[in-house]
Amino acid sequence: MAGGSHKNRTTHRAYRRKRDQLRRTSDTCHLCGGWIDPDLRSPHPLSFTADHVIPVSKGGSNLGELRAAHRRCNSRRDNRDGLPAAGERHGRRW
């Protein structure tokens, strides 16, 4: 966000509106495929988060494409680009 503070990017009105709409319309984590319980609140690891498909730290826009994810799945993905390949789960490959 040019000229803005990194810590304030999730308080932007347009971002909050987009995230809240996603929360109302999506109940499946795009990373693991599991159900997101709408009654769980942060910081519960299975609570809802809005995941930036292209991480902001990698040049994505804060208002870019968002997908629903569990907090734990989104944290594990960190700032890696793109989406997992079909059938691939996040985390280590042993």
N, C-alpha and C. Protein backbone atom coordinates (compact mmCIF):
# COMPACT_ATOMS: atom_id res chain seq x y z
N MET A 1 0.85 -1.16 0.00
CA MET A 1 0.00 0.00 0.00
C MET A 1 0.90 1.23 0.00
N ALA A 2 0.97 1.92 -1.09
CA ALA A 2 1.87 3.04 -1.23
C ALA A 2 1.51 4.15 -0.25
N GLY A 3 2.50 4.59 0.48
CA GLY A 3 2.31 5.69 1.41
C GLY A 3 1.56 5.32 2.68
N GLY A 4 1.07 4.10 2.79
CA GLY A 4 0.31 3.69 3.97
C GLY A 4 1.12 2.78 4.87
N SER A 5 0.60 2.57 6.02
CA SER A 5 1.27 1.70 6.98
C SER A 5 0.86 0.25 6.75
N HIS A 6 1.81 -0.66 6.79
CA HIS A 6 1.55 -2.08 6.60
C HIS A 6 0.57 -2.60 7.65
N LYS A 7 0.68 -2.11 8.88
CA LYS A 7 -0.18 -2.64 9.94
C LYS A 7 -1.65 -2.24 9.77
N ASN A 8 -1.93 -1.23 8.97
CA ASN A 8 -3.30 -0.77 8.79
C ASN A 8 -3.98 -1.34 7.55
N ARG A 9 -3.31 -2.20 6.80
CA ARG A 9 -3.89 -2.65 5.54
C ARG A 9 -5.16 -3.46 5.72
N THR A 10 -5.34 -4.16 6.84
CA THR A 10 -6.55 -4.96 7.03
C THR A 10 -7.69 -4.15 7.65
N THR A 11 -7.46 -2.88 7.94
CA THR A 11 -8.54 -2.04 8.44
C THR A 11 -9.14 -1.19 7.33
N HIS A 12 -8.64 -1.30 6.13
CA HIS A 12 -9.16 -0.56 4.99
C HIS A 12 -10.62 -0.96 4.77
N ARG A 13 -11.50 0.02 4.61
CA ARG A 13 -12.94 -0.22 4.50
C ARG A 13 -13.29 -1.20 3.38
N ALA A 14 -12.70 -1.03 2.19
CA ALA A 14 -13.02 -1.91 1.06
C ALA A 14 -12.56 -3.34 1.34
N TYR A 15 -11.40 -3.49 2.01
CA TYR A 15 -10.92 -4.83 2.36
C TYR A 15 -11.88 -5.49 3.35
N ARG A 16 -12.27 -4.77 4.38
CA ARG A 16 -13.19 -5.32 5.39
C ARG A 16 -14.51 -5.75 4.76
N ARG A 17 -15.02 -4.94 3.84
CA ARG A 17 -16.28 -5.27 3.16
C ARG A 17 -16.12 -6.57 2.35
N LYS A 18 -15.02 -6.68 1.61
CA LYS A 18 -14.75 -7.86 0.80
C LYS A 18 -14.58 -9.10 1.67
N ARG A 19 -13.84 -8.96 2.78
CA ARG A 19 -13.63 -10.07 3.71
C ARG A 19 -14.94 -10.50 4.36
N ASP A 20 -15.76 -9.55 4.77
CA ASP A 20 -17.03 -9.89 5.42
C ASP A 20 -17.99 -10.58 4.46
N GLN A 21 -17.99 -10.16 3.19
CA GLN A 21 -18.82 -10.84 2.20
C GLN A 21 -18.32 -12.27 2.00
N LEU A 22 -17.01 -12.46 1.94
CA LEU A 22 -16.44 -13.80 1.79
C LEU A 22 -16.82 -14.68 2.98
N ARG A 23 -16.79 -14.12 4.18
CA ARG A 23 -17.16 -14.88 5.38
C ARG A 23 -18.61 -15.35 5.32
N ARG A 24 -19.50 -14.51 4.77
CA ARG A 24 -20.92 -14.87 4.68
C ARG A 24 -21.18 -15.92 3.59
N THR A 25 -20.37 -15.95 2.54
CA THR A 25 -20.67 -16.80 1.39
C THR A 25 -19.80 -18.05 1.28
N SER A 26 -18.72 -18.15 2.04
CA SER A 26 -17.81 -19.29 1.92
C SER A 26 -17.68 -20.01 3.25
N ASP A 27 -17.82 -21.34 3.21
CA ASP A 27 -17.70 -22.10 4.45
C ASP A 27 -16.70 -23.25 4.32
N THR A 28 -15.87 -23.21 3.27
CA THR A 28 -14.89 -24.27 3.04
C THR A 28 -13.51 -23.65 2.87
N CYS A 29 -12.52 -24.21 3.55
CA CYS A 29 -11.14 -23.75 3.43
C CYS A 29 -10.60 -24.15 2.06
N HIS A 30 -10.11 -23.19 1.30
CA HIS A 30 -9.61 -23.50 -0.03
C HIS A 30 -8.27 -24.22 0.01
N LEU A 31 -7.62 -24.27 1.16
CA LEU A 31 -6.32 -24.93 1.26
C LEU A 31 -6.44 -26.40 1.66
N CYS A 32 -7.32 -26.71 2.60
CA CYS A 32 -7.43 -28.11 3.05
C CYS A 32 -8.75 -28.75 2.67
N GLY A 33 -9.74 -27.95 2.27
CA GLY A 33 -11.04 -28.48 1.89
C GLY A 33 -11.97 -28.71 3.07
N GLY A 34 -11.53 -28.39 4.28
CA GLY A 34 -12.34 -28.61 5.47
C GLY A 34 -13.37 -27.50 5.69
N TRP A 35 -14.40 -27.84 6.45
CA TRP A 35 -15.47 -26.89 6.78
C TRP A 35 -14.96 -25.86 7.77
N ILE A 36 -15.35 -24.60 7.58
CA ILE A 36 -14.99 -23.52 8.49
C ILE A 36 -16.21 -23.22 9.36
N ASP A 37 -16.10 -23.48 10.65
CA ASP A 37 -17.19 -23.25 11.59
C ASP A 37 -17.37 -21.74 11.79
N PRO A 38 -18.53 -21.18 11.42
CA PRO A 38 -18.73 -19.73 11.54
C PRO A 38 -18.79 -19.24 12.99
N ASP A 39 -18.98 -20.14 13.94
CA ASP A 39 -19.07 -19.74 15.34
C ASP A 39 -17.70 -19.59 16.01
N LEU A 40 -16.65 -20.11 15.37
CA LEU A 40 -15.31 -20.00 15.94
C LEU A 40 -14.74 -18.61 15.66
N ARG A 41 -14.14 -18.02 16.64
CA ARG A 41 -13.56 -16.69 16.50
C ARG A 41 -12.05 -16.76 16.70
N SER A 42 -11.38 -15.78 16.13
CA SER A 42 -9.93 -15.66 16.27
C SER A 42 -9.61 -15.56 17.76
N PRO A 43 -8.58 -16.19 18.22
CA PRO A 43 -7.46 -16.82 17.53
C PRO A 43 -7.58 -18.34 17.39
N HIS A 44 -8.79 -18.90 17.43
CA HIS A 44 -8.93 -20.35 17.27
C HIS A 44 -8.31 -20.78 15.94
N PRO A 45 -7.52 -21.85 15.92
CA PRO A 45 -6.82 -22.25 14.70
C PRO A 45 -7.74 -22.64 13.54
N LEU A 46 -8.99 -23.01 13.82
CA LEU A 46 -9.91 -23.38 12.74
C LEU A 46 -10.92 -22.28 12.43
N SER A 47 -10.66 -21.06 12.93
CA SER A 47 -11.55 -19.94 12.63
C SER A 47 -11.29 -19.42 11.21
N PHE A 48 -12.21 -18.61 10.71
CA PHE A 48 -12.14 -18.04 9.37
C PHE A 48 -11.03 -17.00 9.25
N THR A 49 -10.32 -17.04 8.13
CA THR A 49 -9.46 -15.93 7.71
C THR A 49 -9.63 -15.76 6.21
N ALA A 50 -9.36 -14.57 5.75
CA ALA A 50 -9.36 -14.29 4.31
C ALA A 50 -7.92 -14.39 3.84
N ASP A 51 -7.66 -15.32 2.93
CA ASP A 51 -6.32 -15.56 2.41
C ASP A 51 -6.14 -14.83 1.09
N HIS A 52 -5.08 -14.05 0.98
CA HIS A 52 -4.75 -13.40 -0.29
C HIS A 52 -4.15 -14.45 -1.21
N VAL A 53 -4.75 -14.66 -2.37
CA VAL A 53 -4.25 -15.67 -3.31
C VAL A 53 -2.82 -15.32 -3.72
N ILE A 54 -2.57 -14.06 -4.03
CA ILE A 54 -1.20 -13.59 -4.26
C ILE A 54 -0.84 -12.75 -3.04
N PRO A 55 0.09 -13.24 -2.21
CA PRO A 55 0.42 -12.53 -0.97
C PRO A 55 0.82 -11.08 -1.21
N VAL A 56 0.37 -10.20 -0.34
CA VAL A 56 0.70 -8.79 -0.44
C VAL A 56 2.22 -8.61 -0.40
N SER A 57 2.90 -9.42 0.40
CA SER A 57 4.35 -9.32 0.51
C SER A 57 5.07 -9.72 -0.77
N LYS A 58 4.35 -10.38 -1.69
CA LYS A 58 4.93 -10.80 -2.97
C LYS A 58 4.39 -9.96 -4.13
N GLY A 59 3.82 -8.80 -3.81
CA GLY A 59 3.35 -7.90 -4.86
C GLY A 59 1.86 -7.92 -5.12
N GLY A 60 1.12 -8.76 -4.40
CA GLY A 60 -0.33 -8.79 -4.56
C GLY A 60 -0.96 -7.55 -3.94
N SER A 61 -2.16 -7.28 -4.36
CA SER A 61 -2.89 -6.12 -3.84
C SER A 61 -3.68 -6.53 -2.61
N ASN A 62 -3.78 -5.64 -1.65
CA ASN A 62 -4.59 -5.92 -0.48
C ASN A 62 -6.05 -6.12 -0.88
N LEU A 63 -6.45 -5.51 -1.98
CA LEU A 63 -7.82 -5.66 -2.47
C LEU A 63 -7.90 -6.70 -3.58
N GLY A 64 -6.85 -7.49 -3.73
CA GLY A 64 -6.83 -8.55 -4.74
C GLY A 64 -7.72 -9.71 -4.34
N GLU A 65 -7.58 -10.81 -5.06
CA GLU A 65 -8.44 -11.98 -4.84
C GLU A 65 -8.22 -12.58 -3.46
N LEU A 66 -9.32 -12.81 -2.76
CA LEU A 66 -9.30 -13.42 -1.44
C LEU A 66 -10.02 -14.76 -1.50
N ARG A 67 -9.58 -15.70 -0.69
CA ARG A 67 -10.25 -17.00 -0.56
C ARG A 67 -10.38 -17.31 0.92
N ALA A 68 -11.43 -18.04 1.26
CA ALA A 68 -11.67 -18.43 2.65
C ALA A 68 -10.67 -19.51 3.06
N ALA A 69 -10.17 -19.41 4.28
CA ALA A 69 -9.22 -20.40 4.79
C ALA A 69 -9.32 -20.47 6.30
N HIS A 70 -8.90 -21.61 6.86
CA HIS A 70 -8.74 -21.71 8.31
C HIS A 70 -7.53 -20.86 8.70
N ARG A 71 -7.54 -20.30 9.87
CA ARG A 71 -6.41 -19.52 10.37
C ARG A 71 -5.13 -20.37 10.34
N ARG A 72 -5.22 -21.62 10.77
CA ARG A 72 -4.05 -22.51 10.81
C ARG A 72 -3.51 -22.77 9.40
N CYS A 73 -4.39 -23.05 8.46
CA CYS A 73 -3.96 -23.33 7.08
C CYS A 73 -3.31 -22.10 6.45
N ASN A 74 -3.91 -20.94 6.69
CA ASN A 74 -3.38 -19.70 6.14
C ASN A 74 -2.00 -19.40 6.74
N SER A 75 -1.84 -19.64 8.03
CA SER A 75 -0.55 -19.40 8.68
C SER A 75 0.52 -20.35 8.15
N ARG A 76 0.15 -21.59 7.94
CA ARG A 76 1.11 -22.57 7.42
C ARG A 76 1.53 -22.24 6.01
N ARG A 77 0.61 -21.72 5.22
CA ARG A 77 0.93 -21.35 3.85
C ARG A 77 1.90 -20.18 3.82
N ASP A 78 1.84 -19.33 4.83
CA ASP A 78 2.72 -18.17 4.98
C ASP A 78 2.58 -17.27 3.77
N ASN A 79 3.68 -16.93 3.10
CA ASN A 79 3.58 -16.02 1.97
C ASN A 79 3.96 -16.70 0.65
N ARG A 80 3.75 -17.99 0.58
CA ARG A 80 4.03 -18.71 -0.68
C ARG A 80 2.99 -18.32 -1.72
N ASP A 81 3.45 -18.20 -2.97
CA ASP A 81 2.58 -17.80 -4.07
C ASP A 81 1.63 -18.92 -4.48
N GLY A 82 0.53 -18.51 -5.07
CA GLY A 82 -0.36 -19.45 -5.74
C GLY A 82 -1.15 -20.33 -4.80
N LEU A 83 -1.81 -21.29 -5.42
CA LEU A 83 -2.65 -22.23 -4.71
C LEU A 83 -2.01 -23.60 -4.75
N PRO A 84 -2.33 -24.48 -3.79
CA PRO A 84 -1.78 -25.83 -3.85
C PRO A 84 -2.30 -26.56 -5.08
N ALA A 85 -1.47 -27.43 -5.63
CA ALA A 85 -1.88 -28.22 -6.78
C ALA A 85 -3.00 -29.16 -6.35
N ALA A 86 -3.77 -29.65 -7.31
CA ALA A 86 -4.89 -30.53 -7.02
C ALA A 86 -4.42 -31.73 -6.19
N GLY A 87 -5.08 -31.97 -5.10
CA GLY A 87 -4.75 -33.10 -4.23
C GLY A 87 -3.59 -32.83 -3.29
N GLU A 88 -2.88 -31.73 -3.47
CA GLU A 88 -1.74 -31.42 -2.61
C GLU A 88 -2.21 -30.69 -1.37
N ARG A 89 -1.66 -31.05 -0.25
CA ARG A 89 -1.99 -30.37 1.00
C ARG A 89 -0.84 -29.47 1.38
N HIS A 90 -1.14 -28.47 2.18
CA HIS A 90 -0.07 -27.58 2.63
C HIS A 90 0.83 -28.32 3.60
N GLY A 91 1.91 -27.71 3.95
CA GLY A 91 2.83 -28.32 4.93
C GLY A 91 3.98 -29.03 4.27
N ARG A 92 4.69 -29.80 5.04
CA ARG A 92 5.88 -30.48 4.55
C ARG A 92 5.55 -31.67 3.66
N ARG A 93 6.46 -31.91 2.75
CA ARG A 93 6.37 -33.11 1.93
C ARG A 93 7.45 -34.05 2.45
N TRP A 94 7.06 -35.18 2.99
CA TRP A 94 8.02 -36.09 3.60
C TRP A 94 8.59 -37.02 2.62
